[in-house]
């Protein structure tokens, strides 16, 4: 499987599925821009703390993984965790 076969959206979905309890309420939207793509992650209100983590450490770790994968693709991604 080459790196073009797996999208960043799939990567975020995989990570979110491992973290949250209510996997059916995961919603991921990718907004493509000229230089930067934005990935919006929505999870159940009860799971938002699991995705963000203590002092934002889990969210920072997810962003680091995305940035490393994006560097290989020569793109820039921003992860937004949306609290509803």
PDB file of N, CA and C in Angstrom:
ATOM      1  N   UNK A   1       0.845  -1.175   0.000  1.00  0.00           N
ATOM      2  CA  UNK A   1       0.000   0.000   0.000  1.00  0.00           C
ATOM      3  C   UNK A   1       0.891   1.239   0.000  1.00  0.00           C
ATOM      4  N   UNK A   2       0.719   2.127  -0.965  1.00  0.00           N
ATOM      5  CA  UNK A   2       1.534   3.337  -1.024  1.00  0.00           C
ATOM      6  C   UNK A   2       0.905   4.432  -0.177  1.00  0.00           C
ATOM      7  N   UNK A   3       1.675   5.523   0.057  1.00  0.00           N
ATOM      8  CA  UNK A   3       1.160   6.583   0.909  1.00  0.00           C
ATOM      9  C   UNK A   3      -0.019   7.312   0.276  1.00  0.00           C
ATOM     10  N   UNK A   4      -0.165   7.244  -1.044  1.00  0.00           N
ATOM     11  CA  UNK A   4      -1.293   7.905  -1.690  1.00  0.00           C
ATOM     12  C   UNK A   4      -2.595   7.128  -1.480  1.00  0.00           C
ATOM     13  N   UNK A   5      -2.506   5.869  -1.059  1.00  0.00           N
ATOM     14  CA  UNK A   5      -3.696   5.062  -0.832  1.00  0.00           C
ATOM     15  C   UNK A   5      -4.401   5.424   0.477  1.00  0.00           C
ATOM     16  N   UNK A   6      -3.682   6.016   1.403  1.00  0.00           N
ATOM     17  CA  UNK A   6      -4.251   6.356   2.704  1.00  0.00           C
ATOM     18  C   UNK A   6      -4.318   7.875   2.814  1.00  0.00           C
ATOM     19  N   UNK A   7      -5.515   8.398   3.086  1.00  0.00           N
ATOM     20  CA  UNK A   7      -5.663   9.845   3.209  1.00  0.00           C
ATOM     21  C   UNK A   7      -5.469  10.267   4.668  1.00  0.00           C
ATOM     22  N   UNK A   8      -5.250  11.543   4.860  1.00  0.00           N
ATOM     23  CA  UNK A   8      -5.123  12.078   6.220  1.00  0.00           C
ATOM     24  C   UNK A   8      -6.434  11.901   6.975  1.00  0.00           C
ATOM     25  N   UNK A   9      -7.524  12.004   6.255  1.00  0.00           N
ATOM     26  CA  UNK A   9      -8.845  11.812   6.859  1.00  0.00           C
ATOM     27  C   UNK A   9      -8.949  10.403   7.441  1.00  0.00           C
ATOM     28  N   UNK A  10      -8.456   9.412   6.698  1.00  0.00           N
ATOM     29  CA  UNK A  10      -8.461   8.033   7.186  1.00  0.00           C
ATOM     30  C   UNK A  10      -7.552   7.859   8.398  1.00  0.00           C
ATOM     31  N   UNK A  11      -6.422   8.544   8.375  1.00  0.00           N
ATOM     32  CA  UNK A  11      -5.476   8.472   9.490  1.00  0.00           C
ATOM     33  C   UNK A  11      -6.109   9.034  10.764  1.00  0.00           C
ATOM     34  N   UNK A  12      -6.754  10.196  10.655  1.00  0.00           N
ATOM     35  CA  UNK A  12      -7.411  10.807  11.812  1.00  0.00           C
ATOM     36  C   UNK A  12      -8.551   9.921  12.298  1.00  0.00           C
ATOM     37  N   UNK A  13      -9.302   9.322  11.373  1.00  0.00           N
ATOM     38  CA  UNK A  13     -10.403   8.427  11.743  1.00  0.00           C
ATOM     39  C   UNK A  13      -9.874   7.221  12.510  1.00  0.00           C
ATOM     40  N   UNK A  14      -8.767   6.666  12.055  1.00  0.00           N
ATOM     41  CA  UNK A  14      -8.160   5.507  12.720  1.00  0.00           C
ATOM     42  C   UNK A  14      -7.754   5.852  14.153  1.00  0.00           C
ATOM     43  N   UNK A  15      -7.113   6.993  14.321  1.00  0.00           N
ATOM     44  CA  UNK A  15      -6.664   7.414  15.649  1.00  0.00           C
ATOM     45  C   UNK A  15      -7.869   7.702  16.548  1.00  0.00           C
ATOM     46  N   UNK A  16      -8.855   8.417  16.018  1.00  0.00           N
ATOM     47  CA  UNK A  16     -10.046   8.764  16.806  1.00  0.00           C
ATOM     48  C   UNK A  16     -10.809   7.508  17.232  1.00  0.00           C
ATOM     49  N   UNK A  17     -10.902   6.526  16.342  1.00  0.00           N
ATOM     50  CA  UNK A  17     -11.586   5.273  16.676  1.00  0.00           C
ATOM     51  C   UNK A  17     -10.917   4.568  17.852  1.00  0.00           C
ATOM     52  N   UNK A  18      -9.606   4.677  17.934  1.00  0.00           N
ATOM     53  CA  UNK A  18      -8.872   4.033  19.023  1.00  0.00           C
ATOM     54  C   UNK A  18      -9.065   4.761  20.355  1.00  0.00           C
ATOM     55  N   UNK A  19      -9.408   6.047  20.305  1.00  0.00           N
ATOM     56  CA  UNK A  19      -9.483   6.842  21.524  1.00  0.00           C
ATOM     57  C   UNK A  19     -10.877   6.935  22.137  1.00  0.00           C
ATOM     58  N   UNK A  20     -11.909   7.020  21.317  1.00  0.00           N
ATOM     59  CA  UNK A  20     -13.243   7.328  21.830  1.00  0.00           C
ATOM     60  C   UNK A  20     -14.069   6.069  22.102  1.00  0.00           C
ATOM     61  N   UNK A  21     -15.114   6.242  22.905  1.00  0.00           N
ATOM     62  CA  UNK A  21     -16.043   5.149  23.201  1.00  0.00           C
ATOM     63  C   UNK A  21     -17.146   5.065  22.146  1.00  0.00           C
ATOM     64  N   UNK A  22     -17.674   6.223  21.760  1.00  0.00           N
ATOM     65  CA  UNK A  22     -18.780   6.258  20.796  1.00  0.00           C
ATOM     66  C   UNK A  22     -18.244   6.491  19.387  1.00  0.00           C
ATOM     67  N   UNK A  23     -17.796   5.414  18.766  1.00  0.00           N
ATOM     68  CA  UNK A  23     -17.161   5.522  17.442  1.00  0.00           C
ATOM     69  C   UNK A  23     -18.148   5.915  16.347  1.00  0.00           C
ATOM     70  N   UNK A  24     -19.433   5.672  16.568  1.00  0.00           N
ATOM     71  CA  UNK A  24     -20.426   6.016  15.543  1.00  0.00           C
ATOM     72  C   UNK A  24     -20.653   7.514  15.442  1.00  0.00           C
ATOM     73  N   UNK A  25     -20.224   8.259  16.437  1.00  0.00           N
ATOM     74  CA  UNK A  25     -20.435   9.714  16.442  1.00  0.00           C
ATOM     75  C   UNK A  25     -19.209  10.491  16.007  1.00  0.00           C
ATOM     76  N   UNK A  26     -18.238   9.818  15.414  1.00  0.00           N
ATOM     77  CA  UNK A  26     -17.058  10.497  14.879  1.00  0.00           C
ATOM     78  C   UNK A  26     -17.428  11.082  13.521  1.00  0.00           C
ATOM     79  N   UNK A  27     -17.136  12.369  13.348  1.00  0.00           N
ATOM     80  CA  UNK A  27     -17.386  13.037  12.069  1.00  0.00           C
ATOM     81  C   UNK A  27     -16.120  13.786  11.678  1.00  0.00           C
ATOM     82  N   UNK A  28     -15.605  13.480  10.502  1.00  0.00           N
ATOM     83  CA  UNK A  28     -14.374  14.106  10.033  1.00  0.00           C
ATOM     84  C   UNK A  28     -14.648  14.763   8.689  1.00  0.00           C
ATOM     85  N   UNK A  29     -14.274  16.027   8.601  1.00  0.00           N
ATOM     86  CA  UNK A  29     -14.465  16.789   7.377  1.00  0.00           C
ATOM     87  C   UNK A  29     -13.122  17.376   6.960  1.00  0.00           C
ATOM     88  N   UNK A  30     -12.776  17.237   5.696  1.00  0.00           N
ATOM     89  CA  UNK A  30     -11.509  17.784   5.201  1.00  0.00           C
ATOM     90  C   UNK A  30     -11.797  18.938   4.261  1.00  0.00           C
ATOM     91  N   UNK A  31     -11.205  20.085   4.556  1.00  0.00           N
ATOM     92  CA  UNK A  31     -11.350  21.275   3.730  1.00  0.00           C
ATOM     93  C   UNK A  31     -10.016  21.504   3.037  1.00  0.00           C
ATOM     94  N   UNK A  32     -10.020  21.429   1.721  1.00  0.00           N
ATOM     95  CA  UNK A  32      -8.785  21.572   0.958  1.00  0.00           C
ATOM     96  C   UNK A  32      -8.580  23.018   0.541  1.00  0.00           C
ATOM     97  N   UNK A  33      -7.390  23.520   0.812  1.00  0.00           N
ATOM     98  CA  UNK A  33      -7.010  24.861   0.400  1.00  0.00           C
ATOM     99  C   UNK A  33      -5.864  24.786  -0.581  1.00  0.00           C
ATOM    100  N   UNK A  34      -5.357  25.947  -0.980  1.00  0.00           N
ATOM    101  CA  UNK A  34      -4.245  25.987  -1.937  1.00  0.00           C
ATOM    102  C   UNK A  34      -2.976  25.388  -1.352  1.00  0.00           C
ATOM    103  N   UNK A  35      -2.623  25.812  -0.143  1.00  0.00           N
ATOM    104  CA  UNK A  35      -1.392  25.338   0.477  1.00  0.00           C
ATOM    105  C   UNK A  35      -1.641  24.515   1.737  1.00  0.00           C
ATOM    106  N   UNK A  36      -2.775  24.751   2.380  1.00  0.00           N
ATOM    107  CA  UNK A  36      -3.056  24.101   3.654  1.00  0.00           C
ATOM    108  C   UNK A  36      -4.419  23.437   3.618  1.00  0.00           C
ATOM    109  N   UNK A  37      -4.486  22.220   4.121  1.00  0.00           N
ATOM    110  CA  UNK A  37      -5.751  21.515   4.264  1.00  0.00           C
ATOM    111  C   UNK A  37      -6.131  21.504   5.739  1.00  0.00           C
ATOM    112  N   UNK A  38      -7.416  21.663   6.011  1.00  0.00           N
ATOM    113  CA  UNK A  38      -7.914  21.661   7.383  1.00  0.00           C
ATOM    114  C   UNK A  38      -8.738  20.400   7.582  1.00  0.00           C
ATOM    115  N   UNK A  39      -8.451  19.697   8.663  1.00  0.00           N
ATOM    116  CA  UNK A  39      -9.226  18.511   9.022  1.00  0.00           C
ATOM    117  C   UNK A  39     -10.004  18.850  10.289  1.00  0.00           C
ATOM    118  N   UNK A  40     -11.338  18.810  10.177  1.00  0.00           N
ATOM    119  CA  UNK A  40     -12.202  19.079  11.316  1.00  0.00           C
ATOM    120  C   UNK A  40     -12.633  17.742  11.917  1.00  0.00           C
ATOM    121  N   UNK A  41     -12.423  17.609  13.216  1.00  0.00           N
ATOM    122  CA  UNK A  41     -12.786  16.378  13.924  1.00  0.00           C
ATOM    123  C   UNK A  41     -13.863  16.696  14.945  1.00  0.00           C
ATOM    124  N   UNK A  42     -14.996  16.009  14.808  1.00  0.00           N
ATOM    125  CA  UNK A  42     -16.082  16.134  15.777  1.00  0.00           C
ATOM    126  C   UNK A  42     -16.317  14.766  16.406  1.00  0.00           C
ATOM    127  N   UNK A  43     -16.426  14.762  17.732  1.00  0.00           N
ATOM    128  CA  UNK A  43     -16.738  13.524  18.456  1.00  0.00           C
ATOM    129  C   UNK A  43     -17.854  13.824  19.451  1.00  0.00           C
ATOM    130  N   UNK A  44     -18.367  12.780  20.076  1.00  0.00           N
ATOM    131  CA  UNK A  44     -19.407  12.962  21.089  1.00  0.00           C
ATOM    132  C   UNK A  44     -18.875  13.832  22.232  1.00  0.00           C
ATOM    133  N   UNK A  45     -19.777  14.595  22.820  1.00  0.00           N
ATOM    134  CA  UNK A  45     -19.382  15.509  23.899  1.00  0.00           C
ATOM    135  C   UNK A  45     -18.675  14.766  25.034  1.00  0.00           C
ATOM    136  N   UNK A  46     -19.085  13.527  25.290  1.00  0.00           N
ATOM    137  CA  UNK A  46     -18.480  12.738  26.365  1.00  0.00           C
ATOM    138  C   UNK A  46     -17.051  12.312  26.024  1.00  0.00           C
ATOM    139  N   UNK A  47     -16.706  12.291  24.745  1.00  0.00           N
ATOM    140  CA  UNK A  47     -15.389  11.817  24.309  1.00  0.00           C
ATOM    141  C   UNK A  47     -14.401  12.935  23.998  1.00  0.00           C
ATOM    142  N   UNK A  48     -14.835  14.181  24.079  1.00  0.00           N
ATOM    143  CA  UNK A  48     -13.964  15.291  23.686  1.00  0.00           C
ATOM    144  C   UNK A  48     -12.694  15.336  24.546  1.00  0.00           C
ATOM    145  N   UNK A  49     -12.826  15.012  25.826  1.00  0.00           N
ATOM    146  CA  UNK A  49     -11.667  15.013  26.713  1.00  0.00           C
ATOM    147  C   UNK A  49     -10.655  13.940  26.366  1.00  0.00           C
ATOM    148  N   UNK A  50     -11.141  12.824  25.838  1.00  0.00           N
ATOM    149  CA  UNK A  50     -10.236  11.740  25.452  1.00  0.00           C
ATOM    150  C   UNK A  50      -9.419  12.120  24.219  1.00  0.00           C
ATOM    151  N   UNK A  51     -10.006  12.905  23.341  1.00  0.00           N
ATOM    152  CA  UNK A  51      -9.307  13.318  22.124  1.00  0.00           C
ATOM    153  C   UNK A  51      -8.328  14.453  22.420  1.00  0.00           C
ATOM    154  N   UNK A  52      -8.701  15.345  23.336  1.00  0.00           N
ATOM    155  CA  UNK A  52      -7.825  16.472  23.668  1.00  0.00           C
ATOM    156  C   UNK A  52      -6.742  16.048  24.650  1.00  0.00           C
ATOM    157  N   UNK A  53      -7.101  15.275  25.675  1.00  0.00           N
ATOM    158  CA  UNK A  53      -6.124  14.809  26.652  1.00  0.00           C
ATOM    159  C   UNK A  53      -5.789  15.857  27.691  1.00  0.00           C
ATOM    160  N   UNK A  54      -4.982  15.476  28.646  1.00  0.00           N
ATOM    161  CA  UNK A  54      -4.581  16.403  29.701  1.00  0.00           C
ATOM    162  C   UNK A  54      -3.660  17.469  29.126  1.00  0.00           C
ATOM    163  N   UNK A  55      -4.034  18.712  29.367  1.00  0.00           N
ATOM    164  CA  UNK A  55      -3.289  19.877  28.886  1.00  0.00           C
ATOM    165  C   UNK A  55      -3.068  19.816  27.371  1.00  0.00           C
ATOM    166  N   UNK A  56      -3.966  19.134  26.660  1.00  0.00           N
ATOM    167  CA  UNK A  56      -3.887  19.092  25.208  1.00  0.00           C
ATOM    168  C   UNK A  56      -2.813  18.179  24.648  1.00  0.00           C
ATOM    169  N   UNK A  57      -2.279  17.317  25.483  1.00  0.00           N
ATOM    170  CA  UNK A  57      -1.166  16.465  25.036  1.00  0.00           C
ATOM    171  C   UNK A  57      -1.572  15.469  23.967  1.00  0.00           C
ATOM    172  N   UNK A  58      -2.747  14.871  24.098  1.00  0.00           N
ATOM    173  CA  UNK A  58      -3.204  13.899  23.092  1.00  0.00           C
ATOM    174  C   UNK A  58      -3.445  14.597  21.768  1.00  0.00           C
ATOM    175  N   UNK A  59      -4.093  15.764  21.803  1.00  0.00           N
ATOM    176  CA  UNK A  59      -4.333  16.531  20.578  1.00  0.00           C
ATOM    177  C   UNK A  59      -3.011  16.923  19.925  1.00  0.00           C
ATOM    178  N   UNK A  60      -2.041  17.342  20.731  1.00  0.00           N
ATOM    179  CA  UNK A  60      -0.720  17.695  20.193  1.00  0.00           C
ATOM    180  C   UNK A  60      -0.047  16.490  19.552  1.00  0.00           C
ATOM    181  N   UNK A  61      -0.198  15.327  20.166  1.00  0.00           N
ATOM    182  CA  UNK A  61       0.398  14.106  19.614  1.00  0.00           C
ATOM    183  C   UNK A  61      -0.240  13.747  18.271  1.00  0.00           C
ATOM    184  N   UNK A  62      -1.565  13.890  18.181  1.00  0.00           N
ATOM    185  CA  UNK A  62      -2.254  13.620  16.912  1.00  0.00           C
ATOM    186  C   UNK A  62      -1.765  14.594  15.846  1.00  0.00           C
ATOM    187  N   UNK A  63      -1.631  15.860  16.204  1.00  0.00           N
ATOM    188  CA  UNK A  63      -1.138  16.872  15.255  1.00  0.00           C
ATOM    189  C   UNK A  63       0.282  16.551  14.799  1.00  0.00           C
ATOM    190  N   UNK A  64       1.110  16.064  15.704  1.00  0.00           N
ATOM    191  CA  UNK A  64       2.482  15.692  15.344  1.00  0.00           C
ATOM    192  C   UNK A  64       2.492  14.549  14.333  1.00  0.00           C
ATOM    193  N   UNK A  65       1.658  13.552  14.562  1.00  0.00           N
ATOM    194  CA  UNK A  65       1.563  12.424  13.623  1.00  0.00           C
ATOM    195  C   UNK A  65       1.107  12.907  12.258  1.00  0.00           C
ATOM    196  N   UNK A  66       0.091  13.776  12.245  1.00  0.00           N
ATOM    197  CA  UNK A  66      -0.422  14.312  10.977  1.00  0.00           C
ATOM    198  C   UNK A  66       0.659  15.120  10.258  1.00  0.00           C
ATOM    199  N   UNK A  67       1.384  15.947  10.998  1.00  0.00           N
ATOM    200  CA  UNK A  67       2.429  16.762  10.378  1.00  0.00           C
ATOM    201  C   UNK A  67       3.553  15.909   9.802  1.00  0.00           C
ATOM    202  N   UNK A  68       3.898  14.838  10.478  1.00  0.00           N
ATOM    203  CA  UNK A  68       4.941  13.944   9.969  1.00  0.00           C
ATOM    204  C   UNK A  68       4.490  13.254   8.686  1.00  0.00           C
ATOM    205  N   UNK A  69       3.251  12.785   8.680  1.00  0.00           N
ATOM    206  CA  UNK A  69       2.719  12.130   7.480  1.00  0.00           C
ATOM    207  C   UNK A  69       2.553  13.140   6.349  1.00  0.00           C
ATOM    208  N   UNK A  70       2.147  14.360   6.680  1.00  0.00           N
ATOM    209  CA  UNK A  70       1.948  15.394   5.666  1.00  0.00           C
ATOM    210  C   UNK A  70       3.274  15.823   5.053  1.00  0.00           C
ATOM    211  N   UNK A  71       4.333  15.826   5.844  1.00  0.00           N
ATOM    212  CA  UNK A  71       5.652  16.210   5.329  1.00  0.00           C
ATOM    213  C   UNK A  71       6.097  15.248   4.234  1.00  0.00           C
ATOM    214  N   UNK A  72       5.754  14.000   4.399  1.00  0.00           N
ATOM    215  CA  UNK A  72       6.092  12.998   3.391  1.00  0.00           C
ATOM    216  C   UNK A  72       5.350  13.259   2.086  1.00  0.00           C
ATOM    217  N   UNK A  73       4.142  13.839   2.204  1.00  0.00           N
ATOM    218  CA  UNK A  73       3.331  14.155   1.036  1.00  0.00           C
ATOM    219  C   UNK A  73       3.571  15.579   0.532  1.00  0.00           C
ATOM    220  N   UNK A  74       4.465  16.315   1.209  1.00  0.00           N
ATOM    221  CA  UNK A  74       4.771  17.712   0.888  1.00  0.00           C
ATOM    222  C   UNK A  74       3.529  18.594   0.950  1.00  0.00           C
ATOM    223  N   UNK A  75       2.731  18.395   1.978  1.00  0.00           N
ATOM    224  CA  UNK A  75       1.531  19.192   2.196  1.00  0.00           C
ATOM    225  C   UNK A  75       1.502  19.662   3.636  1.00  0.00           C
ATOM    226  N   UNK A  76       0.579  20.575   3.934  1.00  0.00           N
ATOM    227  CA  UNK A  76       0.416  21.083   5.292  1.00  0.00           C
ATOM    228  C   UNK A  76      -1.021  20.843   5.729  1.00  0.00           C
ATOM    229  N   UNK A  77      -1.181  20.304   6.922  1.00  0.00           N
ATOM    230  CA  UNK A  77      -2.502  20.018   7.463  1.00  0.00           C
ATOM    231  C   UNK A  77      -2.659  20.660   8.833  1.00  0.00           C
ATOM    232  N   UNK A  78      -3.879  21.113   9.109  1.00  0.00           N
ATOM    233  CA  UNK A  78      -4.225  21.639  10.419  1.00  0.00           C
ATOM    234  C   UNK A  78      -5.381  20.803  10.951  1.00  0.00           C
ATOM    235  N   UNK A  79      -5.246  20.333  12.193  1.00  0.00           N
ATOM    236  CA  UNK A  79      -6.321  19.576  12.830  1.00  0.00           C
ATOM    237  C   UNK A  79      -7.097  20.505  13.754  1.00  0.00           C
ATOM    238  N   UNK A  80      -8.406  20.593  13.526  1.00  0.00           N
ATOM    239  CA  UNK A  80      -9.273  21.364  14.406  1.00  0.00           C
ATOM    240  C   UNK A  80     -10.227  20.370  15.099  1.00  0.00           C
ATOM    241  N   UNK A  81     -10.192  20.378  16.410  1.00  0.00           N
ATOM    242  CA  UNK A  81     -11.115  19.556  17.179  1.00  0.00           C
ATOM    243  C   UNK A  81     -12.270  20.462  17.566  1.00  0.00           C
ATOM    244  N   UNK A  82     -13.445  20.144  17.055  1.00  0.00           N
ATOM    245  CA  UNK A  82     -14.595  21.023  17.213  1.00  0.00           C
ATOM    246  C   UNK A  82     -15.475  20.514  18.349  1.00  0.00           C
ATOM    247  N   UNK A  83     -15.711  21.396  19.292  1.00  0.00           N
ATOM    248  CA  UNK A  83     -16.549  21.093  20.456  1.00  0.00           C
ATOM    249  C   UNK A  83     -17.947  21.636  20.189  1.00  0.00           C
ATOM    250  N   UNK A  84     -18.932  20.769  20.225  1.00  0.00           N
ATOM    251  CA  UNK A  84     -20.307  21.204  19.960  1.00  0.00           C
ATOM    252  C   UNK A  84     -21.125  21.162  21.205  1.00  0.00           C
TER     253      UNK A  84
END
